[in-house]
């Protein structure tokens, strides 16, 4: 029982430390606009990786979800014009290069 309490306390301490560092890094970036800019998406991806360590049976589910997102981005023509615009906006927000901004007309 003592080992479980020590591990739980260590996990809580680690999560508090990560949260404080994350908030500090965001505050520092907003103030100076230089250096590393952490985003909530990056934090979510890191937590997904931690979940695969803690629960190995979840690794397949997470990999399938990431593959679905990748397939949506690489598919030929979009099914929904609004979804296409949101995808382009997400790329711009992430800082990825977009050759040409396009809009598809709905029929």
PDB file of N, CA and C in Angstrom:
ATOM      1  N   UNK A   1       0.821  -1.187   0.000  1.00  0.00           N
ATOM      2  CA  UNK A   1       0.000   0.000   0.000  1.00  0.00           C
ATOM      3  C   UNK A   1       0.869   1.256   0.000  1.00  0.00           C
ATOM      4  N   UNK A   2       1.971   1.213   0.708  1.00  0.00           N
ATOM      5  CA  UNK A   2       2.842   2.374   0.780  1.00  0.00           C
ATOM      6  C   UNK A   2       3.445   2.693  -0.580  1.00  0.00           C
ATOM      7  N   UNK A   3       3.793   1.651  -1.348  1.00  0.00           N
ATOM      8  CA  UNK A   3       4.358   1.864  -2.679  1.00  0.00           C
ATOM      9  C   UNK A   3       3.343   2.528  -3.615  1.00  0.00           C
ATOM     10  N   UNK A   4       2.075   2.126  -3.541  1.00  0.00           N
ATOM     11  CA  UNK A   4       1.028   2.745  -4.356  1.00  0.00           C
ATOM     12  C   UNK A   4       0.878   4.226  -4.032  1.00  0.00           C
ATOM     13  N   UNK A   5       0.931   4.555  -2.763  1.00  0.00           N
ATOM     14  CA  UNK A   5       0.806   5.958  -2.361  1.00  0.00           C
ATOM     15  C   UNK A   5       2.001   6.775  -2.852  1.00  0.00           C
ATOM     16  N   UNK A   6       3.187   6.201  -2.771  1.00  0.00           N
ATOM     17  CA  UNK A   6       4.391   6.900  -3.239  1.00  0.00           C
ATOM     18  C   UNK A   6       4.306   7.131  -4.741  1.00  0.00           C
ATOM     19  N   UNK A   7       3.882   6.120  -5.502  1.00  0.00           N
ATOM     20  CA  UNK A   7       3.750   6.268  -6.951  1.00  0.00           C
ATOM     21  C   UNK A   7       2.680   7.303  -7.319  1.00  0.00           C
ATOM     22  N   UNK A   8       1.555   7.283  -6.609  1.00  0.00           N
ATOM     23  CA  UNK A   8       0.494   8.252  -6.885  1.00  0.00           C
ATOM     24  C   UNK A   8       0.966   9.670  -6.567  1.00  0.00           C
ATOM     25  N   UNK A   9       1.672   9.838  -5.472  1.00  0.00           N
ATOM     26  CA  UNK A   9       2.191  11.151  -5.106  1.00  0.00           C
ATOM     27  C   UNK A   9       3.242  11.617  -6.119  1.00  0.00           C
ATOM     28  N   UNK A  10       4.081  10.690  -6.559  1.00  0.00           N
ATOM     29  CA  UNK A  10       5.083  11.032  -7.574  1.00  0.00           C
ATOM     30  C   UNK A  10       4.432  11.446  -8.882  1.00  0.00           C
ATOM     31  N   UNK A  11       3.375  10.748  -9.292  1.00  0.00           N
ATOM     32  CA  UNK A  11       2.665  11.084 -10.522  1.00  0.00           C
ATOM     33  C   UNK A  11       2.003  12.459 -10.405  1.00  0.00           C
ATOM     34  N   UNK A  12       1.375  12.713  -9.286  1.00  0.00           N
ATOM     35  CA  UNK A  12       0.752  14.032  -9.073  1.00  0.00           C
ATOM     36  C   UNK A  12       1.802  15.142  -9.081  1.00  0.00           C
ATOM     37  N   UNK A  13       2.922  14.899  -8.442  1.00  0.00           N
ATOM     38  CA  UNK A  13       3.995  15.888  -8.440  1.00  0.00           C
ATOM     39  C   UNK A  13       4.538  16.148  -9.830  1.00  0.00           C
ATOM     40  N   UNK A  14       4.719  15.066 -10.603  1.00  0.00           N
ATOM     41  CA  UNK A  14       5.199  15.211 -11.979  1.00  0.00           C
ATOM     42  C   UNK A  14       4.204  15.995 -12.830  1.00  0.00           C
ATOM     43  N   UNK A  15       2.916  15.690 -12.707  1.00  0.00           N
ATOM     44  CA  UNK A  15       1.898  16.405 -13.482  1.00  0.00           C
ATOM     45  C   UNK A  15       1.848  17.883 -13.090  1.00  0.00           C
ATOM     46  N   UNK A  16       2.001  18.180 -11.816  1.00  0.00           N
ATOM     47  CA  UNK A  16       2.033  19.580 -11.377  1.00  0.00           C
ATOM     48  C   UNK A  16       3.248  20.289 -11.965  1.00  0.00           C
ATOM     49  N   UNK A  17       4.390  19.622 -11.950  1.00  0.00           N
ATOM     50  CA  UNK A  17       5.599  20.213 -12.520  1.00  0.00           C
ATOM     51  C   UNK A  17       5.440  20.488 -14.007  1.00  0.00           C
ATOM     52  N   UNK A  18       4.916  19.515 -14.751  1.00  0.00           N
ATOM     53  CA  UNK A  18       4.708  19.681 -16.192  1.00  0.00           C
ATOM     54  C   UNK A  18       3.723  20.816 -16.455  1.00  0.00           C
ATOM     55  N   UNK A  19       2.664  20.902 -15.671  1.00  0.00           N
ATOM     56  CA  UNK A  19       1.672  21.969 -15.850  1.00  0.00           C
ATOM     57  C   UNK A  19       2.278  23.340 -15.613  1.00  0.00           C
ATOM     58  N   UNK A  20       3.070  23.468 -14.568  1.00  0.00           N
ATOM     59  CA  UNK A  20       3.699  24.754 -14.263  1.00  0.00           C
ATOM     60  C   UNK A  20       4.674  25.154 -15.371  1.00  0.00           C
ATOM     61  N   UNK A  21       5.473  24.202 -15.844  1.00  0.00           N
ATOM     62  CA  UNK A  21       6.426  24.493 -16.926  1.00  0.00           C
ATOM     63  C   UNK A  21       5.682  24.869 -18.197  1.00  0.00           C
ATOM     64  N   UNK A  22       4.606  24.168 -18.502  1.00  0.00           N
ATOM     65  CA  UNK A  22       3.817  24.462 -19.703  1.00  0.00           C
ATOM     66  C   UNK A  22       3.236  25.869 -19.655  1.00  0.00           C
ATOM     67  N   UNK A  23       2.629  26.218 -18.541  1.00  0.00           N
ATOM     68  CA  UNK A  23       2.034  27.559 -18.402  1.00  0.00           C
ATOM     69  C   UNK A  23       3.124  28.632 -18.456  1.00  0.00           C
ATOM     70  N   UNK A  24       4.255  28.379 -17.821  1.00  0.00           N
ATOM     71  CA  UNK A  24       5.347  29.346 -17.853  1.00  0.00           C
ATOM     72  C   UNK A  24       5.872  29.543 -19.276  1.00  0.00           C
ATOM     73  N   UNK A  25       6.053  28.437 -20.013  1.00  0.00           N
ATOM     74  CA  UNK A  25       6.546  28.549 -21.387  1.00  0.00           C
ATOM     75  C   UNK A  25       5.577  29.319 -22.262  1.00  0.00           C
ATOM     76  N   UNK A  26       4.281  29.094 -22.097  1.00  0.00           N
ATOM     77  CA  UNK A  26       3.288  29.848 -22.887  1.00  0.00           C
ATOM     78  C   UNK A  26       3.312  31.328 -22.516  1.00  0.00           C
ATOM     79  N   UNK A  27       3.414  31.607 -21.221  1.00  0.00           N
ATOM     80  CA  UNK A  27       3.456  33.004 -20.779  1.00  0.00           C
ATOM     81  C   UNK A  27       4.695  33.701 -21.340  1.00  0.00           C
ATOM     82  N   UNK A  28       5.838  33.008 -21.271  1.00  0.00           N
ATOM     83  CA  UNK A  28       7.078  33.592 -21.782  1.00  0.00           C
ATOM     84  C   UNK A  28       7.017  33.827 -23.284  1.00  0.00           C
ATOM     85  N   UNK A  29       6.422  32.889 -24.025  1.00  0.00           N
ATOM     86  CA  UNK A  29       6.322  33.067 -25.466  1.00  0.00           C
ATOM     87  C   UNK A  29       5.393  34.235 -25.813  1.00  0.00           C
ATOM     88  N   UNK A  30       4.280  34.364 -25.109  1.00  0.00           N
ATOM     89  CA  UNK A  30       3.360  35.474 -25.382  1.00  0.00           C
ATOM     90  C   UNK A  30       4.015  36.817 -25.101  1.00  0.00           C
ATOM     91  N   UNK A  31       4.908  36.839 -24.123  1.00  0.00           N
ATOM     92  CA  UNK A  31       5.562  38.086 -23.755  1.00  0.00           C
ATOM     93  C   UNK A  31       6.660  38.465 -24.745  1.00  0.00           C
ATOM     94  N   UNK A  32       7.462  37.505 -25.209  1.00  0.00           N
ATOM     95  CA  UNK A  32       8.626  37.816 -26.042  1.00  0.00           C
ATOM     96  C   UNK A  32       8.453  37.450 -27.507  1.00  0.00           C
ATOM     97  N   UNK A  33       7.544  36.523 -27.827  1.00  0.00           N
ATOM     98  CA  UNK A  33       7.327  36.029 -29.196  1.00  0.00           C
ATOM     99  C   UNK A  33       8.593  35.424 -29.799  1.00  0.00           C
ATOM    100  N   UNK A  34       9.448  34.826 -28.968  1.00  0.00           N
ATOM    101  CA  UNK A  34      10.649  34.154 -29.438  1.00  0.00           C
ATOM    102  C   UNK A  34      10.758  32.801 -28.774  1.00  0.00           C
ATOM    103  N   UNK A  35      11.441  31.897 -29.476  1.00  0.00           N
ATOM    104  CA  UNK A  35      11.726  30.600 -28.878  1.00  0.00           C
ATOM    105  C   UNK A  35      10.603  29.598 -29.055  1.00  0.00           C
ATOM    106  N   UNK A  36      10.565  28.644 -28.153  1.00  0.00           N
ATOM    107  CA  UNK A  36       9.629  27.528 -28.191  1.00  0.00           C
ATOM    108  C   UNK A  36       8.229  27.992 -27.838  1.00  0.00           C
ATOM    109  N   UNK A  37       7.238  27.626 -28.659  1.00  0.00           N
ATOM    110  CA  UNK A  37       5.845  27.975 -28.389  1.00  0.00           C
ATOM    111  C   UNK A  37       5.049  26.696 -28.159  1.00  0.00           C
ATOM    112  N   UNK A  38       4.799  26.333 -26.921  1.00  0.00           N
ATOM    113  CA  UNK A  38       4.027  25.121 -26.674  1.00  0.00           C
ATOM    114  C   UNK A  38       2.544  25.362 -26.967  1.00  0.00           C
ATOM    115  N   UNK A  39       1.901  24.368 -27.525  1.00  0.00           N
ATOM    116  CA  UNK A  39       0.469  24.470 -27.795  1.00  0.00           C
ATOM    117  C   UNK A  39      -0.251  23.348 -27.068  1.00  0.00           C
ATOM    118  N   UNK A  40      -1.542  23.498 -26.942  1.00  0.00           N
ATOM    119  CA  UNK A  40      -2.316  22.466 -26.264  1.00  0.00           C
ATOM    120  C   UNK A  40      -2.339  21.178 -27.079  1.00  0.00           C
ATOM    121  N   UNK A  41      -2.234  21.283 -28.401  1.00  0.00           N
ATOM    122  CA  UNK A  41      -2.178  20.073 -29.233  1.00  0.00           C
ATOM    123  C   UNK A  41      -0.901  19.283 -28.936  1.00  0.00           C
ATOM    124  N   UNK A  42       0.209  19.981 -28.755  1.00  0.00           N
ATOM    125  CA  UNK A  42       1.458  19.304 -28.424  1.00  0.00           C
ATOM    126  C   UNK A  42       1.354  18.618 -27.065  1.00  0.00           C
ATOM    127  N   UNK A  43       0.705  19.286 -26.131  1.00  0.00           N
ATOM    128  CA  UNK A  43       0.523  18.686 -24.810  1.00  0.00           C
ATOM    129  C   UNK A  43      -0.364  17.444 -24.907  1.00  0.00           C
ATOM    130  N   UNK A  44      -1.408  17.527 -25.706  1.00  0.00           N
ATOM    131  CA  UNK A  44      -2.286  16.366 -25.898  1.00  0.00           C
ATOM    132  C   UNK A  44      -1.562  15.189 -26.507  1.00  0.00           C
ATOM    133  N   UNK A  45      -0.712  15.457 -27.509  1.00  0.00           N
ATOM    134  CA  UNK A  45       0.064  14.376 -28.122  1.00  0.00           C
ATOM    135  C   UNK A  45       1.010  13.739 -27.119  1.00  0.00           C
ATOM    136  N   UNK A  46       1.620  14.551 -26.275  1.00  0.00           N
ATOM    137  CA  UNK A  46       2.516  14.008 -25.260  1.00  0.00           C
ATOM    138  C   UNK A  46       1.742  13.143 -24.262  1.00  0.00           C
ATOM    139  N   UNK A  47       0.552  13.589 -23.892  1.00  0.00           N
ATOM    140  CA  UNK A  47      -0.248  12.798 -22.954  1.00  0.00           C
ATOM    141  C   UNK A  47      -0.720  11.493 -23.597  1.00  0.00           C
ATOM    142  N   UNK A  48      -0.982  11.497 -24.904  1.00  0.00           N
ATOM    143  CA  UNK A  48      -1.335  10.247 -25.588  1.00  0.00           C
ATOM    144  C   UNK A  48      -0.181   9.259 -25.507  1.00  0.00           C
ATOM    145  N   UNK A  49       1.033   9.756 -25.682  1.00  0.00           N
ATOM    146  CA  UNK A  49       2.184   8.865 -25.606  1.00  0.00           C
ATOM    147  C   UNK A  49       2.353   8.313 -24.192  1.00  0.00           C
ATOM    148  N   UNK A  50       2.099   9.140 -23.189  1.00  0.00           N
ATOM    149  CA  UNK A  50       2.172   8.648 -21.814  1.00  0.00           C
ATOM    150  C   UNK A  50       1.095   7.603 -21.546  1.00  0.00           C
ATOM    151  N   UNK A  51      -0.074   7.782 -22.190  1.00  0.00           N
ATOM    152  CA  UNK A  51      -1.142   6.819 -21.996  1.00  0.00           C
ATOM    153  C   UNK A  51      -0.760   5.458 -22.576  1.00  0.00           C
ATOM    154  N   UNK A  52      -0.036   5.458 -23.688  1.00  0.00           N
ATOM    155  CA  UNK A  52       0.381   4.173 -24.259  1.00  0.00           C
ATOM    156  C   UNK A  52       1.386   3.464 -23.363  1.00  0.00           C
ATOM    157  N   UNK A  53       2.152   4.234 -22.601  1.00  0.00           N
ATOM    158  CA  UNK A  53       3.081   3.612 -21.652  1.00  0.00           C
ATOM    159  C   UNK A  53       2.309   3.037 -20.472  1.00  0.00           C
ATOM    160  N   UNK A  54       1.336   3.805 -19.980  1.00  0.00           N
ATOM    161  CA  UNK A  54       0.576   3.357 -18.814  1.00  0.00           C
ATOM    162  C   UNK A  54      -0.427   2.260 -19.160  1.00  0.00           C
ATOM    163  N   UNK A  55      -1.039   2.348 -20.344  1.00  0.00           N
ATOM    164  CA  UNK A  55      -2.034   1.369 -20.770  1.00  0.00           C
ATOM    165  C   UNK A  55      -1.656   0.859 -22.160  1.00  0.00           C
ATOM    166  N   UNK A  56      -0.807  -0.154 -22.247  1.00  0.00           N
ATOM    167  CA  UNK A  56      -0.349  -0.627 -23.558  1.00  0.00           C
ATOM    168  C   UNK A  56      -1.474  -1.081 -24.486  1.00  0.00           C
ATOM    169  N   UNK A  57      -2.592  -1.529 -23.937  1.00  0.00           N
ATOM    170  CA  UNK A  57      -3.692  -1.984 -24.780  1.00  0.00           C
ATOM    171  C   UNK A  57      -4.336  -0.819 -25.544  1.00  0.00           C
ATOM    172  N   UNK A  58      -4.097   0.421 -25.151  1.00  0.00           N
ATOM    173  CA  UNK A  58      -4.664   1.592 -25.821  1.00  0.00           C
ATOM    174  C   UNK A  58      -3.818   2.020 -27.021  1.00  0.00           C
ATOM    175  N   UNK A  59      -2.646   1.477 -27.206  1.00  0.00           N
ATOM    176  CA  UNK A  59      -1.760   1.910 -28.279  1.00  0.00           C
ATOM    177  C   UNK A  59      -2.410   1.715 -29.645  1.00  0.00           C
ATOM    178  N   UNK A  60      -3.079   0.596 -29.848  1.00  0.00           N
ATOM    179  CA  UNK A  60      -3.722   0.331 -31.137  1.00  0.00           C
ATOM    180  C   UNK A  60      -4.815   1.362 -31.419  1.00  0.00           C
ATOM    181  N   UNK A  61      -5.607   1.713 -30.427  1.00  0.00           N
ATOM    182  CA  UNK A  61      -6.684   2.685 -30.599  1.00  0.00           C
ATOM    183  C   UNK A  61      -6.120   4.052 -30.966  1.00  0.00           C
ATOM    184  N   UNK A  62      -5.079   4.468 -30.292  1.00  0.00           N
ATOM    185  CA  UNK A  62      -4.479   5.774 -30.559  1.00  0.00           C
ATOM    186  C   UNK A  62      -3.851   5.797 -31.949  1.00  0.00           C
ATOM    187  N   UNK A  63      -3.174   4.710 -32.346  1.00  0.00           N
ATOM    188  CA  UNK A  63      -2.573   4.659 -33.681  1.00  0.00           C
ATOM    189  C   UNK A  63      -3.634   4.734 -34.765  1.00  0.00           C
ATOM    190  N   UNK A  64      -4.753   4.063 -34.582  1.00  0.00           N
ATOM    191  CA  UNK A  64      -5.829   4.109 -35.572  1.00  0.00           C
ATOM    192  C   UNK A  64      -6.420   5.513 -35.677  1.00  0.00           C
ATOM    193  N   UNK A  65      -6.569   6.180 -34.556  1.00  0.00           N
ATOM    194  CA  UNK A  65      -7.111   7.539 -34.569  1.00  0.00           C
ATOM    195  C   UNK A  65      -6.158   8.483 -35.301  1.00  0.00           C
ATOM    196  N   UNK A  66      -4.860   8.358 -35.056  1.00  0.00           N
ATOM    197  CA  UNK A  66      -3.890   9.200 -35.744  1.00  0.00           C
ATOM    198  C   UNK A  66      -3.863   8.884 -37.231  1.00  0.00           C
ATOM    199  N   UNK A  67      -4.004   7.603 -37.611  1.00  0.00           N
ATOM    200  CA  UNK A  67      -4.034   7.230 -39.022  1.00  0.00           C
ATOM    201  C   UNK A  67      -5.262   7.813 -39.719  1.00  0.00           C
ATOM    202  N   UNK A  68      -6.400   7.827 -39.045  1.00  0.00           N
ATOM    203  CA  UNK A  68      -7.613   8.395 -39.633  1.00  0.00           C
ATOM    204  C   UNK A  68      -7.432   9.882 -39.899  1.00  0.00           C
ATOM    205  N   UNK A  69      -6.838  10.603 -38.965  1.00  0.00           N
ATOM    206  CA  UNK A  69      -6.601  12.029 -39.168  1.00  0.00           C
ATOM    207  C   UNK A  69      -5.672  12.258 -40.348  1.00  0.00           C
ATOM    208  N   UNK A  70      -4.643  11.427 -40.485  1.00  0.00           N
ATOM    209  CA  UNK A  70      -3.702  11.552 -41.587  1.00  0.00           C
ATOM    210  C   UNK A  70      -4.381  11.243 -42.915  1.00  0.00           C
ATOM    211  N   UNK A  71      -5.234  10.229 -42.960  1.00  0.00           N
ATOM    212  CA  UNK A  71      -5.938   9.882 -44.189  1.00  0.00           C
ATOM    213  C   UNK A  71      -6.887  11.000 -44.610  1.00  0.00           C
ATOM    214  N   UNK A  72      -7.527  11.663 -43.650  1.00  0.00           N
ATOM    215  CA  UNK A  72      -8.416  12.769 -43.978  1.00  0.00           C
ATOM    216  C   UNK A  72      -7.659  13.892 -44.664  1.00  0.00           C
ATOM    217  N   UNK A  73      -6.449  14.167 -44.206  1.00  0.00           N
ATOM    218  CA  UNK A  73      -5.666  15.245 -44.789  1.00  0.00           C
ATOM    219  C   UNK A  73      -5.163  14.891 -46.181  1.00  0.00           C
ATOM    220  N   UNK A  74      -4.879  13.611 -46.434  1.00  0.00           N
ATOM    221  CA  UNK A  74      -4.280  13.209 -47.697  1.00  0.00           C
ATOM    222  C   UNK A  74      -5.296  12.735 -48.727  1.00  0.00           C
ATOM    223  N   UNK A  75      -6.566  12.716 -48.387  1.00  0.00           N
ATOM    224  CA  UNK A  75      -7.551  12.222 -49.343  1.00  0.00           C
ATOM    225  C   UNK A  75      -7.647  13.164 -50.528  1.00  0.00           C
ATOM    226  N   UNK A  76      -8.154  12.639 -51.655  1.00  0.00           N
ATOM    227  CA  UNK A  76      -8.220  13.417 -52.884  1.00  0.00           C
ATOM    228  C   UNK A  76      -9.030  14.691 -52.725  1.00  0.00           C
ATOM    229  N   UNK A  77     -10.279  14.664 -53.075  1.00  0.00           N
ATOM    230  CA  UNK A  77     -11.126  15.835 -52.951  1.00  0.00           C
ATOM    231  C   UNK A  77     -11.900  15.787 -51.653  1.00  0.00           C
ATOM    232  N   UNK A  78     -12.137  16.909 -51.065  1.00  0.00           N
ATOM    233  CA  UNK A  78     -12.860  16.908 -49.795  1.00  0.00           C
ATOM    234  C   UNK A  78     -14.349  16.657 -50.011  1.00  0.00           C
ATOM    235  N   UNK A  79     -14.951  15.995 -49.066  1.00  0.00           N
ATOM    236  CA  UNK A  79     -16.384  15.758 -49.138  1.00  0.00           C
ATOM    237  C   UNK A  79     -17.157  17.003 -48.740  1.00  0.00           C
ATOM    238  N   UNK A  80     -16.600  17.767 -47.838  1.00  0.00           N
ATOM    239  CA  UNK A  80     -17.286  18.933 -47.306  1.00  0.00           C
ATOM    240  C   UNK A  80     -16.400  20.165 -47.490  1.00  0.00           C
ATOM    241  N   UNK A  81     -16.874  21.196 -48.202  1.00  0.00           N
ATOM    242  CA  UNK A  81     -16.049  22.390 -48.425  1.00  0.00           C
ATOM    243  C   UNK A  81     -15.663  23.102 -47.126  1.00  0.00           C
ATOM    244  N   UNK A  82     -16.558  23.109 -46.159  1.00  0.00           N
ATOM    245  CA  UNK A  82     -16.262  23.779 -44.888  1.00  0.00           C
ATOM    246  C   UNK A  82     -15.141  23.042 -44.160  1.00  0.00           C
ATOM    247  N   UNK A  83     -15.195  21.719 -44.212  1.00  0.00           N
ATOM    248  CA  UNK A  83     -14.146  20.916 -43.569  1.00  0.00           C
ATOM    249  C   UNK A  83     -12.800  21.179 -44.233  1.00  0.00           C
ATOM    250  N   UNK A  84     -12.808  21.342 -45.542  1.00  0.00           N
ATOM    251  CA  UNK A  84     -11.579  21.650 -46.273  1.00  0.00           C
ATOM    252  C   UNK A  84     -10.988  22.985 -45.797  1.00  0.00           C
ATOM    253  N   UNK A  85     -11.836  23.994 -45.640  1.00  0.00           N
ATOM    254  CA  UNK A  85     -11.361  25.300 -45.166  1.00  0.00           C
ATOM    255  C   UNK A  85     -10.830  25.218 -43.740  1.00  0.00           C
ATOM    256  N   UNK A  86     -11.502  24.451 -42.891  1.00  0.00           N
ATOM    257  CA  UNK A  86     -11.022  24.287 -41.512  1.00  0.00           C
ATOM    258  C   UNK A  86      -9.669  23.571 -41.497  1.00  0.00           C
ATOM    259  N   UNK A  87      -9.482  22.603 -42.390  1.00  0.00           N
ATOM    260  CA  UNK A  87      -8.215  21.887 -42.471  1.00  0.00           C
ATOM    261  C   UNK A  87      -7.091  22.836 -42.882  1.00  0.00           C
ATOM    262  N   UNK A  88      -7.378  23.715 -43.861  1.00  0.00           N
ATOM    263  CA  UNK A  88      -6.369  24.682 -44.285  1.00  0.00           C
ATOM    264  C   UNK A  88      -6.058  25.664 -43.159  1.00  0.00           C
ATOM    265  N   UNK A  89      -7.078  26.099 -42.440  1.00  0.00           N
ATOM    266  CA  UNK A  89      -6.856  27.025 -41.323  1.00  0.00           C
ATOM    267  C   UNK A  89      -6.023  26.372 -40.232  1.00  0.00           C
ATOM    268  N   UNK A  90      -6.252  25.090 -39.985  1.00  0.00           N
ATOM    269  CA  UNK A  90      -5.465  24.380 -38.973  1.00  0.00           C
ATOM    270  C   UNK A  90      -4.002  24.296 -39.386  1.00  0.00           C
ATOM    271  N   UNK A  91      -3.746  24.054 -40.688  1.00  0.00           N
ATOM    272  CA  UNK A  91      -2.367  24.022 -41.162  1.00  0.00           C
ATOM    273  C   UNK A  91      -1.695  25.375 -40.983  1.00  0.00           C
ATOM    274  N   UNK A  92      -2.412  26.436 -41.259  1.00  0.00           N
ATOM    275  CA  UNK A  92      -1.850  27.782 -41.106  1.00  0.00           C
ATOM    276  C   UNK A  92      -1.543  28.061 -39.645  1.00  0.00           C
ATOM    277  N   UNK A  93      -2.454  27.671 -38.756  1.00  0.00           N
ATOM    278  CA  UNK A  93      -2.224  27.893 -37.319  1.00  0.00           C
ATOM    279  C   UNK A  93      -1.017  27.112 -36.818  1.00  0.00           C
ATOM    280  N   UNK A  94      -0.800  25.905 -37.365  1.00  0.00           N
ATOM    281  CA  UNK A  94       0.352  25.096 -36.954  1.00  0.00           C
ATOM    282  C   UNK A  94       1.648  25.589 -37.568  1.00  0.00           C
ATOM    283  N   UNK A  95       1.559  26.522 -38.521  1.00  0.00           N
ATOM    284  CA  UNK A  95       2.750  27.057 -39.150  1.00  0.00           C
ATOM    285  C   UNK A  95       3.239  26.228 -40.323  1.00  0.00           C
ATOM    286  N   UNK A  96       2.414  25.317 -40.805  1.00  0.00           N
ATOM    287  CA  UNK A  96       2.797  24.500 -41.947  1.00  0.00           C
ATOM    288  C   UNK A  96       2.623  25.323 -43.229  1.00  0.00           C
ATOM    289  N   UNK A  97       3.480  25.107 -44.207  1.00  0.00           N
ATOM    290  CA  UNK A  97       3.348  25.871 -45.457  1.00  0.00           C
ATOM    291  C   UNK A  97       2.130  25.408 -46.262  1.00  0.00           C
ATOM    292  N   UNK A  98       1.390  26.362 -46.764  1.00  0.00           N
ATOM    293  CA  UNK A  98       0.242  26.088 -47.619  1.00  0.00           C
ATOM    294  C   UNK A  98       0.525  26.770 -48.954  1.00  0.00           C
ATOM    295  N   UNK A  99       0.633  25.973 -50.024  1.00  0.00           N
ATOM    296  CA  UNK A  99       0.980  26.536 -51.323  1.00  0.00           C
ATOM    297  C   UNK A  99      -0.075  27.520 -51.806  1.00  0.00           C
ATOM    298  N   UNK A 100      -1.301  27.096 -51.750  1.00  0.00           N
ATOM    299  CA  UNK A 100      -2.397  27.921 -52.264  1.00  0.00           C
ATOM    300  C   UNK A 100      -3.620  27.667 -51.401  1.00  0.00           C
ATOM    301  N   UNK A 101      -4.286  28.728 -50.988  1.00  0.00           N
ATOM    302  CA  UNK A 101      -5.516  28.579 -50.226  1.00  0.00           C
ATOM    303  C   UNK A 101      -6.653  28.413 -51.226  1.00  0.00           C
ATOM    304  N   UNK A 102      -7.377  27.322 -51.081  1.00  0.00           N
ATOM    305  CA  UNK A 102      -8.443  27.030 -52.025  1.00  0.00           C
ATOM    306  C   UNK A 102      -9.770  26.895 -51.296  1.00  0.00           C
ATOM    307  N   UNK A 103     -10.834  27.164 -52.020  1.00  0.00           N
ATOM    308  CA  UNK A 103     -12.189  26.996 -51.493  1.00  0.00           C
ATOM    309  C   UNK A 103     -12.986  26.224 -52.532  1.00  0.00           C
ATOM    310  N   UNK A 104     -13.681  25.204 -52.110  1.00  0.00           N
ATOM    311  CA  UNK A 104     -14.495  24.412 -53.010  1.00  0.00           C
ATOM    312  C   UNK A 104     -15.936  24.855 -52.883  1.00  0.00           C
ATOM    313  N   UNK A 105     -16.602  24.948 -54.006  1.00  0.00           N
ATOM    314  CA  UNK A 105     -18.014  25.324 -54.021  1.00  0.00           C
ATOM    315  C   UNK A 105     -18.860  24.094 -53.758  1.00  0.00           C
ATOM    316  N   UNK A 106     -19.880  24.261 -52.946  1.00  0.00           N
ATOM    317  CA  UNK A 106     -20.773  23.143 -52.707  1.00  0.00           C
ATOM    318  C   UNK A 106     -21.808  23.089 -53.821  1.00  0.00           C
ATOM    319  N   UNK A 107     -22.207  21.890 -54.166  1.00  0.00           N
ATOM    320  CA  UNK A 107     -23.166  21.744 -55.281  1.00  0.00           C
ATOM    321  C   UNK A 107     -24.557  21.567 -54.775  1.00  0.00           C
TER     322      UNK A 107
END
